[in-house]
Amino acid sequence: MCKLSQESCWRNHCLWLVSMSSSGRLMDLYPSLQLQEDIQIAAMPLSYLECNGRPFGIAAMAARNREDVLLRFMSA
């Protein structure tokens, strides 16, 4: 985990987009990250589990001012 600001982590590792399961524990952190670092987050539902009806999907997070990357990812 990067101990510097999120912005420097994006820059130092040449990241444009990070995607993950939208039902994991990491998603609990993203509202605070979005407010603190102005990071764009998009949630994309995929389907639901037949056994219990719970939805699942993918969440994607883009660097500051990179909404274009999120839109391209969501349209793929």
PDB file of N, CA and C in Angstrom:
ATOM      1  N   MET A   1       0.853  -1.179   0.000  1.00  0.00           N
ATOM      2  CA  MET A   1       0.000   0.000   0.000  1.00  0.00           C
ATOM      3  C   MET A   1       0.890   1.230   0.000  1.00  0.00           C
ATOM      4  N   CYS A   2       0.516   2.187  -0.772  1.00  0.00           N
ATOM      5  CA  CYS A   2       1.289   3.418  -0.877  1.00  0.00           C
ATOM      6  C   CYS A   2       1.022   4.286   0.349  1.00  0.00           C
ATOM      7  N   LYS A   3       2.063   4.743   1.003  1.00  0.00           N
ATOM      8  CA  LYS A   3       1.898   5.552   2.202  1.00  0.00           C
ATOM      9  C   LYS A   3       1.868   7.038   1.892  1.00  0.00           C
ATOM     10  N   LEU A   4       2.119   7.398   0.655  1.00  0.00           N
ATOM     11  CA  LEU A   4       2.036   8.796   0.256  1.00  0.00           C
ATOM     12  C   LEU A   4       0.604   9.108  -0.126  1.00  0.00           C
ATOM     13  N   SER A   5       0.366  10.294  -0.630  1.00  0.00           N
ATOM     14  CA  SER A   5      -0.987  10.639  -1.054  1.00  0.00           C
ATOM     15  C   SER A   5      -1.397   9.776  -2.237  1.00  0.00           C
ATOM     16  N   GLN A   6      -2.682   9.635  -2.425  1.00  0.00           N
ATOM     17  CA  GLN A   6      -3.192   8.844  -3.551  1.00  0.00           C
ATOM     18  C   GLN A   6      -2.693   9.408  -4.872  1.00  0.00           C
ATOM     19  N   GLU A   7      -2.640  10.717  -4.987  1.00  0.00           N
ATOM     20  CA  GLU A   7      -2.201  11.350  -6.242  1.00  0.00           C
ATOM     21  C   GLU A   7      -0.777  10.939  -6.598  1.00  0.00           C
ATOM     22  N   SER A   8       0.118  10.921  -5.614  1.00  0.00           N
ATOM     23  CA  SER A   8       1.494  10.528  -5.917  1.00  0.00           C
ATOM     24  C   SER A   8       1.584   9.039  -6.245  1.00  0.00           C
ATOM     25  N   CYS A   9       0.731   8.219  -5.639  1.00  0.00           N
ATOM     26  CA  CYS A   9       0.703   6.788  -5.991  1.00  0.00           C
ATOM     27  C   CYS A   9       0.294   6.603  -7.445  1.00  0.00           C
ATOM     28  N   TRP A  10      -0.726   7.332  -7.882  1.00  0.00           N
ATOM     29  CA  TRP A  10      -1.160   7.239  -9.284  1.00  0.00           C
ATOM     30  C   TRP A  10      -0.008   7.622 -10.203  1.00  0.00           C
ATOM     31  N   ARG A  11       0.650   8.726  -9.875  1.00  0.00           N
ATOM     32  CA  ARG A  11       1.731   9.244 -10.723  1.00  0.00           C
ATOM     33  C   ARG A  11       2.948   8.321 -10.725  1.00  0.00           C
ATOM     34  N   ASN A  12       3.379   7.892  -9.551  1.00  0.00           N
ATOM     35  CA  ASN A  12       4.592   7.079  -9.439  1.00  0.00           C
ATOM     36  C   ASN A  12       4.469   5.717 -10.103  1.00  0.00           C
ATOM     37  N   HIS A  13       3.269   5.162 -10.131  1.00  0.00           N
ATOM     38  CA  HIS A  13       3.069   3.832 -10.702  1.00  0.00           C
ATOM     39  C   HIS A  13       2.416   3.882 -12.079  1.00  0.00           C
ATOM     40  N   CYS A  14       2.270   5.071 -12.647  1.00  0.00           N
ATOM     41  CA  CYS A  14       1.678   5.249 -13.984  1.00  0.00           C
ATOM     42  C   CYS A  14       0.313   4.580 -14.091  1.00  0.00           C
ATOM     43  N   LEU A  15      -0.504   4.710 -13.063  1.00  0.00           N
ATOM     44  CA  LEU A  15      -1.839   4.113 -13.076  1.00  0.00           C
ATOM     45  C   LEU A  15      -2.856   5.095 -13.632  1.00  0.00           C
ATOM     46  N   TRP A  16      -3.769   4.583 -14.419  1.00  0.00           N
ATOM     47  CA  TRP A  16      -4.895   5.386 -14.890  1.00  0.00           C
ATOM     48  C   TRP A  16      -6.203   4.874 -14.324  1.00  0.00           C
ATOM     49  N   LEU A  17      -6.249   3.544 -14.061  1.00  0.00           N
ATOM     50  CA  LEU A  17      -7.494   2.934 -13.630  1.00  0.00           C
ATOM     51  C   LEU A  17      -7.195   1.721 -12.761  1.00  0.00           C
ATOM     52  N   VAL A  18      -7.996   1.547 -11.708  1.00  0.00           N
ATOM     53  CA  VAL A  18      -7.915   0.362 -10.865  1.00  0.00           C
ATOM     54  C   VAL A  18      -9.323  -0.202 -10.776  1.00  0.00           C
ATOM     55  N   SER A  19      -9.480  -1.503 -11.032  1.00  0.00           N
ATOM     56  CA  SER A  19     -10.807  -2.115 -10.912  1.00  0.00           C
ATOM     57  C   SER A  19     -10.763  -3.220  -9.865  1.00  0.00           C
ATOM     58  N   MET A  20     -11.913  -3.450  -9.231  1.00  0.00           N
ATOM     59  CA  MET A  20     -12.011  -4.449  -8.177  1.00  0.00           C
ATOM     60  C   MET A  20     -13.463  -4.858  -8.013  1.00  0.00           C
ATOM     61  N   SER A  21     -13.687  -5.892  -7.223  1.00  0.00           N
ATOM     62  CA  SER A  21     -15.048  -6.331  -6.927  1.00  0.00           C
ATOM     63  C   SER A  21     -15.761  -5.235  -6.145  1.00  0.00           C
ATOM     64  N   SER A  22     -17.001  -4.968  -6.499  1.00  0.00           N
ATOM     65  CA  SER A  22     -17.733  -3.915  -5.792  1.00  0.00           C
ATOM     66  C   SER A  22     -18.350  -4.413  -4.494  1.00  0.00           C
ATOM     67  N   SER A  23     -18.202  -5.691  -4.187  1.00  0.00           N
ATOM     68  CA  SER A  23     -18.785  -6.216  -2.952  1.00  0.00           C
ATOM     69  C   SER A  23     -17.741  -6.490  -1.871  1.00  0.00           C
ATOM     70  N   GLY A  24     -16.503  -6.150  -2.108  1.00  0.00           N
ATOM     71  CA  GLY A  24     -15.444  -6.416  -1.143  1.00  0.00           C
ATOM     72  C   GLY A  24     -15.337  -5.351  -0.070  1.00  0.00           C
ATOM     73  N   ARG A  25     -14.485  -5.599   0.905  1.00  0.00           N
ATOM     74  CA  ARG A  25     -14.284  -4.649   2.005  1.00  0.00           C
ATOM     75  C   ARG A  25     -13.622  -3.367   1.535  1.00  0.00           C
ATOM     76  N   LEU A  26     -12.868  -3.438   0.429  1.00  0.00           N
ATOM     77  CA  LEU A  26     -12.208  -2.233  -0.073  1.00  0.00           C
ATOM     78  C   LEU A  26     -13.213  -1.154  -0.450  1.00  0.00           C
ATOM     79  N   MET A  27     -14.383  -1.566  -0.904  1.00  0.00           N
ATOM     80  CA  MET A  27     -15.386  -0.582  -1.308  1.00  0.00           C
ATOM     81  C   MET A  27     -15.835   0.288  -0.145  1.00  0.00           C
ATOM     82  N   ASP A  28     -15.692  -0.189   1.080  1.00  0.00           N
ATOM     83  CA  ASP A  28     -16.059   0.613   2.247  1.00  0.00           C
ATOM     84  C   ASP A  28     -15.172   1.846   2.373  1.00  0.00           C
ATOM     85  N   LEU A  29     -13.948   1.783   1.859  1.00  0.00           N
ATOM     86  CA  LEU A  29     -13.010   2.901   1.971  1.00  0.00           C
ATOM     87  C   LEU A  29     -13.217   3.963   0.895  1.00  0.00           C
ATOM     88  N   TYR A  30     -13.827   3.600  -0.209  1.00  0.00           N
ATOM     89  CA  TYR A  30     -13.840   4.497  -1.355  1.00  0.00           C
ATOM     90  C   TYR A  30     -14.625   5.785  -1.191  1.00  0.00           C
ATOM     91  N   PRO A  31     -15.766   5.806  -0.473  1.00  0.00           N
ATOM     92  CA  PRO A  31     -16.407   7.114  -0.285  1.00  0.00           C
ATOM     93  C   PRO A  31     -15.488   8.130   0.384  1.00  0.00           C
ATOM     94  N   SER A  32     -14.712   7.700   1.381  1.00  0.00           N
ATOM     95  CA  SER A  32     -13.802   8.646   2.034  1.00  0.00           C
ATOM     96  C   SER A  32     -12.652   9.024   1.112  1.00  0.00           C
ATOM     97  N   LEU A  33     -12.151   8.072   0.306  1.00  0.00           N
ATOM     98  CA  LEU A  33     -11.100   8.402  -0.660  1.00  0.00           C
ATOM     99  C   LEU A  33     -11.602   9.398  -1.690  1.00  0.00           C
ATOM    100  N   GLN A  34     -12.823   9.199  -2.125  1.00  0.00           N
ATOM    101  CA  GLN A  34     -13.374  10.085  -3.140  1.00  0.00           C
ATOM    102  C   GLN A  34     -13.478  11.512  -2.611  1.00  0.00           C
ATOM    103  N   LEU A  35     -13.878  11.658  -1.373  1.00  0.00           N
ATOM    104  CA  LEU A  35     -13.991  12.993  -0.794  1.00  0.00           C
ATOM    105  C   LEU A  35     -12.631  13.614  -0.509  1.00  0.00           C
ATOM    106  N   GLN A  36     -11.695  12.825   0.016  1.00  0.00           N
ATOM    107  CA  GLN A  36     -10.390  13.361   0.402  1.00  0.00           C
ATOM    108  C   GLN A  36      -9.508  13.674  -0.799  1.00  0.00           C
ATOM    109  N   GLU A  37      -9.492  12.803  -1.777  1.00  0.00           N
ATOM    110  CA  GLU A  37      -8.533  12.917  -2.877  1.00  0.00           C
ATOM    111  C   GLU A  37      -9.168  13.285  -4.210  1.00  0.00           C
ATOM    112  N   ASP A  38     -10.494  13.472  -4.255  1.00  0.00           N
ATOM    113  CA  ASP A  38     -11.199  13.807  -5.492  1.00  0.00           C
ATOM    114  C   ASP A  38     -10.961  12.737  -6.565  1.00  0.00           C
ATOM    115  N   ILE A  39     -11.091  11.482  -6.167  1.00  0.00           N
ATOM    116  CA  ILE A  39     -10.915  10.349  -7.070  1.00  0.00           C
ATOM    117  C   ILE A  39     -12.276   9.955  -7.622  1.00  0.00           C
ATOM    118  N   GLN A  40     -12.333   9.684  -8.900  1.00  0.00           N
ATOM    119  CA  GLN A  40     -13.581   9.296  -9.548  1.00  0.00           C
ATOM    120  C   GLN A  40     -13.785   7.794  -9.412  1.00  0.00           C
ATOM    121  N   ILE A  41     -15.004   7.392  -9.038  1.00  0.00           N
ATOM    122  CA  ILE A  41     -15.326   5.982  -8.848  1.00  0.00           C
ATOM    123  C   ILE A  41     -16.609   5.671  -9.596  1.00  0.00           C
ATOM    124  N   ALA A  42     -16.639   4.536 -10.291  1.00  0.00           N
ATOM    125  CA  ALA A  42     -17.841   4.090 -10.991  1.00  0.00           C
ATOM    126  C   ALA A  42     -18.141   2.656 -10.575  1.00  0.00           C
ATOM    127  N   ALA A  43     -19.412   2.369 -10.324  1.00  0.00           N
ATOM    128  CA  ALA A  43     -19.838   1.005 -10.000  1.00  0.00           C
ATOM    129  C   ALA A  43     -20.638   0.461 -11.171  1.00  0.00           C
ATOM    130  N   MET A  44     -20.312  -0.759 -11.579  1.00  0.00           N
ATOM    131  CA  MET A  44     -20.975  -1.376 -12.727  1.00  0.00           C
ATOM    132  C   MET A  44     -21.551  -2.719 -12.310  1.00  0.00           C
ATOM    133  N   PRO A  45     -22.877  -2.827 -12.215  1.00  0.00           N
ATOM    134  CA  PRO A  45     -23.475  -4.111 -11.856  1.00  0.00           C
ATOM    135  C   PRO A  45     -23.292  -5.121 -12.979  1.00  0.00           C
ATOM    136  N   LEU A  46     -23.036  -6.372 -12.629  1.00  0.00           N
ATOM    137  CA  LEU A  46     -22.873  -7.431 -13.626  1.00  0.00           C
ATOM    138  C   LEU A  46     -24.063  -8.377 -13.644  1.00  0.00           C
ATOM    139  N   SER A  47     -24.465  -8.854 -12.466  1.00  0.00           N
ATOM    140  CA  SER A  47     -25.559  -9.814 -12.385  1.00  0.00           C
ATOM    141  C   SER A  47     -25.935  -9.968 -10.917  1.00  0.00           C
ATOM    142  N   TYR A  48     -26.598 -11.061 -10.605  1.00  0.00           N
ATOM    143  CA  TYR A  48     -26.947 -11.355  -9.220  1.00  0.00           C
ATOM    144  C   TYR A  48     -26.741 -12.846  -8.966  1.00  0.00           C
ATOM    145  N   LEU A  49     -26.589 -13.193  -7.708  1.00  0.00           N
ATOM    146  CA  LEU A  49     -26.411 -14.590  -7.316  1.00  0.00           C
ATOM    147  C   LEU A  49     -27.775 -15.261  -7.226  1.00  0.00           C
ATOM    148  N   GLU A  50     -27.917 -16.393  -7.865  1.00  0.00           N
ATOM    149  CA  GLU A  50     -29.202 -17.092  -7.836  1.00  0.00           C
ATOM    150  C   GLU A  50     -29.519 -17.648  -6.455  1.00  0.00           C
ATOM    151  N   CYS A  51     -28.496 -18.005  -5.687  1.00  0.00           N
ATOM    152  CA  CYS A  51     -28.736 -18.623  -4.376  1.00  0.00           C
ATOM    153  C   CYS A  51     -29.359 -17.659  -3.363  1.00  0.00           C
ATOM    154  N   ASN A  52     -29.006 -16.379  -3.419  1.00  0.00           N
ATOM    155  CA  ASN A  52     -29.551 -15.440  -2.434  1.00  0.00           C
ATOM    156  C   ASN A  52     -30.037 -14.120  -3.043  1.00  0.00           C
ATOM    157  N   GLY A  53     -29.922 -13.958  -4.346  1.00  0.00           N
ATOM    158  CA  GLY A  53     -30.419 -12.747  -4.998  1.00  0.00           C
ATOM    159  C   GLY A  53     -29.545 -11.523  -4.830  1.00  0.00           C
ATOM    160  N   ARG A  54     -28.373 -11.688  -4.231  1.00  0.00           N
ATOM    161  CA  ARG A  54     -27.472 -10.536  -4.030  1.00  0.00           C
ATOM    162  C   ARG A  54     -26.821 -10.113  -5.329  1.00  0.00           C
ATOM    163  N   PRO A  55     -26.813  -8.817  -5.609  1.00  0.00           N
ATOM    164  CA  PRO A  55     -26.131  -8.352  -6.821  1.00  0.00           C
ATOM    165  C   PRO A  55     -24.618  -8.343  -6.629  1.00  0.00           C
ATOM    166  N   PHE A  56     -23.899  -8.439  -7.728  1.00  0.00           N
ATOM    167  CA  PHE A  56     -22.448  -8.287  -7.684  1.00  0.00           C
ATOM    168  C   PHE A  56     -22.012  -7.536  -8.929  1.00  0.00           C
ATOM    169  N   GLY A  57     -20.835  -6.946  -8.849  1.00  0.00           N
ATOM    170  CA  GLY A  57     -20.349  -6.165  -9.975  1.00  0.00           C
ATOM    171  C   GLY A  57     -18.894  -5.782  -9.821  1.00  0.00           C
ATOM    172  N   ILE A  58     -18.515  -4.796 -10.613  1.00  0.00           N
ATOM    173  CA  ILE A  58     -17.147  -4.293 -10.639  1.00  0.00           C
ATOM    174  C   ILE A  58     -17.182  -2.812 -10.286  1.00  0.00           C
ATOM    175  N   ALA A  59     -16.214  -2.382  -9.536  1.00  0.00           N
ATOM    176  CA  ALA A  59     -16.026  -0.960  -9.279  1.00  0.00           C
ATOM    177  C   ALA A  59     -14.698  -0.552  -9.904  1.00  0.00           C
ATOM    178  N   ALA A  60     -14.665   0.630 -10.457  1.00  0.00           N
ATOM    179  CA  ALA A  60     -13.434   1.140 -11.058  1.00  0.00           C
ATOM    180  C   ALA A  60     -13.147   2.517 -10.481  1.00  0.00           C
ATOM    181  N   MET A  61     -11.877   2.786 -10.289  1.00  0.00           N
ATOM    182  CA  MET A  61     -11.436   4.042  -9.707  1.00  0.00           C
ATOM    183  C   MET A  61     -10.383   4.635 -10.637  1.00  0.00           C
ATOM    184  N   ALA A  62     -10.539   5.902 -10.975  1.00  0.00           N
ATOM    185  CA  ALA A  62      -9.603   6.555 -11.890  1.00  0.00           C
ATOM    186  C   ALA A  62      -8.900   7.712 -11.191  1.00  0.00           C
ATOM    187  N   ALA A  63      -7.764   8.068 -11.717  1.00  0.00           N
ATOM    188  CA  ALA A  63      -6.997   9.188 -11.167  1.00  0.00           C
ATOM    189  C   ALA A  63      -7.757  10.501 -11.368  1.00  0.00           C
ATOM    190  N   ARG A  64      -7.344  11.496 -10.652  1.00  0.00           N
ATOM    191  CA  ARG A  64      -7.975  12.813 -10.735  1.00  0.00           C
ATOM    192  C   ARG A  64      -7.998  13.318 -12.176  1.00  0.00           C
ATOM    193  N   ASN A  65      -9.146  13.858 -12.570  1.00  0.00           N
ATOM    194  CA  ASN A  65      -9.370  14.428 -13.911  1.00  0.00           C
ATOM    195  C   ASN A  65      -9.229  13.399 -15.027  1.00  0.00           C
ATOM    196  N   ARG A  66      -9.461  12.131 -14.735  1.00  0.00           N
ATOM    197  CA  ARG A  66      -9.390  11.079 -15.758  1.00  0.00           C
ATOM    198  C   ARG A  66     -10.736  10.371 -15.918  1.00  0.00           C
ATOM    199  N   GLU A  67     -11.811  11.144 -15.972  1.00  0.00           N
ATOM    200  CA  GLU A  67     -13.132  10.572 -16.185  1.00  0.00           C
ATOM    201  C   GLU A  67     -13.218   9.877 -17.536  1.00  0.00           C
ATOM    202  N   ASP A  68     -12.423  10.334 -18.504  1.00  0.00           N
ATOM    203  CA  ASP A  68     -12.438   9.713 -19.832  1.00  0.00           C
ATOM    204  C   ASP A  68     -12.035   8.241 -19.762  1.00  0.00           C
ATOM    205  N   VAL A  69     -11.106   7.912 -18.876  1.00  0.00           N
ATOM    206  CA  VAL A  69     -10.667   6.524 -18.726  1.00  0.00           C
ATOM    207  C   VAL A  69     -11.803   5.677 -18.152  1.00  0.00           C
ATOM    208  N   LEU A  70     -12.522   6.223 -17.170  1.00  0.00           N
ATOM    209  CA  LEU A  70     -13.655   5.498 -16.602  1.00  0.00           C
ATOM    210  C   LEU A  70     -14.733   5.255 -17.650  1.00  0.00           C
ATOM    211  N   LEU A  71     -15.040   6.263 -18.432  1.00  0.00           N
ATOM    212  CA  LEU A  71     -16.079   6.113 -19.454  1.00  0.00           C
ATOM    213  C   LEU A  71     -15.692   5.082 -20.502  1.00  0.00           C
ATOM    214  N   ARG A  72     -14.431   5.070 -20.901  1.00  0.00           N
ATOM    215  CA  ARG A  72     -13.982   4.056 -21.869  1.00  0.00           C
ATOM    216  C   ARG A  72     -14.054   2.658 -21.269  1.00  0.00           C
ATOM    217  N   PHE A  73     -13.680   2.525 -20.008  1.00  0.00           N
ATOM    218  CA  PHE A  73     -13.745   1.225 -19.337  1.00  0.00           C
ATOM    219  C   PHE A  73     -15.191   0.741 -19.230  1.00  0.00           C
ATOM    220  N   MET A  74     -16.096   1.644 -18.874  1.00  0.00           N
ATOM    221  CA  MET A  74     -17.496   1.271 -18.711  1.00  0.00           C
ATOM    222  C   MET A  74     -18.162   0.928 -20.040  1.00  0.00           C
ATOM    223  N   SER A  75     -17.708   1.491 -21.123  1.00  0.00           N
ATOM    224  CA  SER A  75     -18.338   1.223 -22.422  1.00  0.00           C
ATOM    225  C   SER A  75     -17.764  -0.010 -23.108  1.00  0.00           C
ATOM    226  N   ALA A  76     -16.697  -0.571 -22.575  1.00  0.00           N
ATOM    227  CA  ALA A  76     -16.077  -1.756 -23.211  1.00  0.00           C
ATOM    228  C   ALA A  76     -16.907  -3.003 -23.019  1.00  0.00           C
TER     229      ALA A  76
END
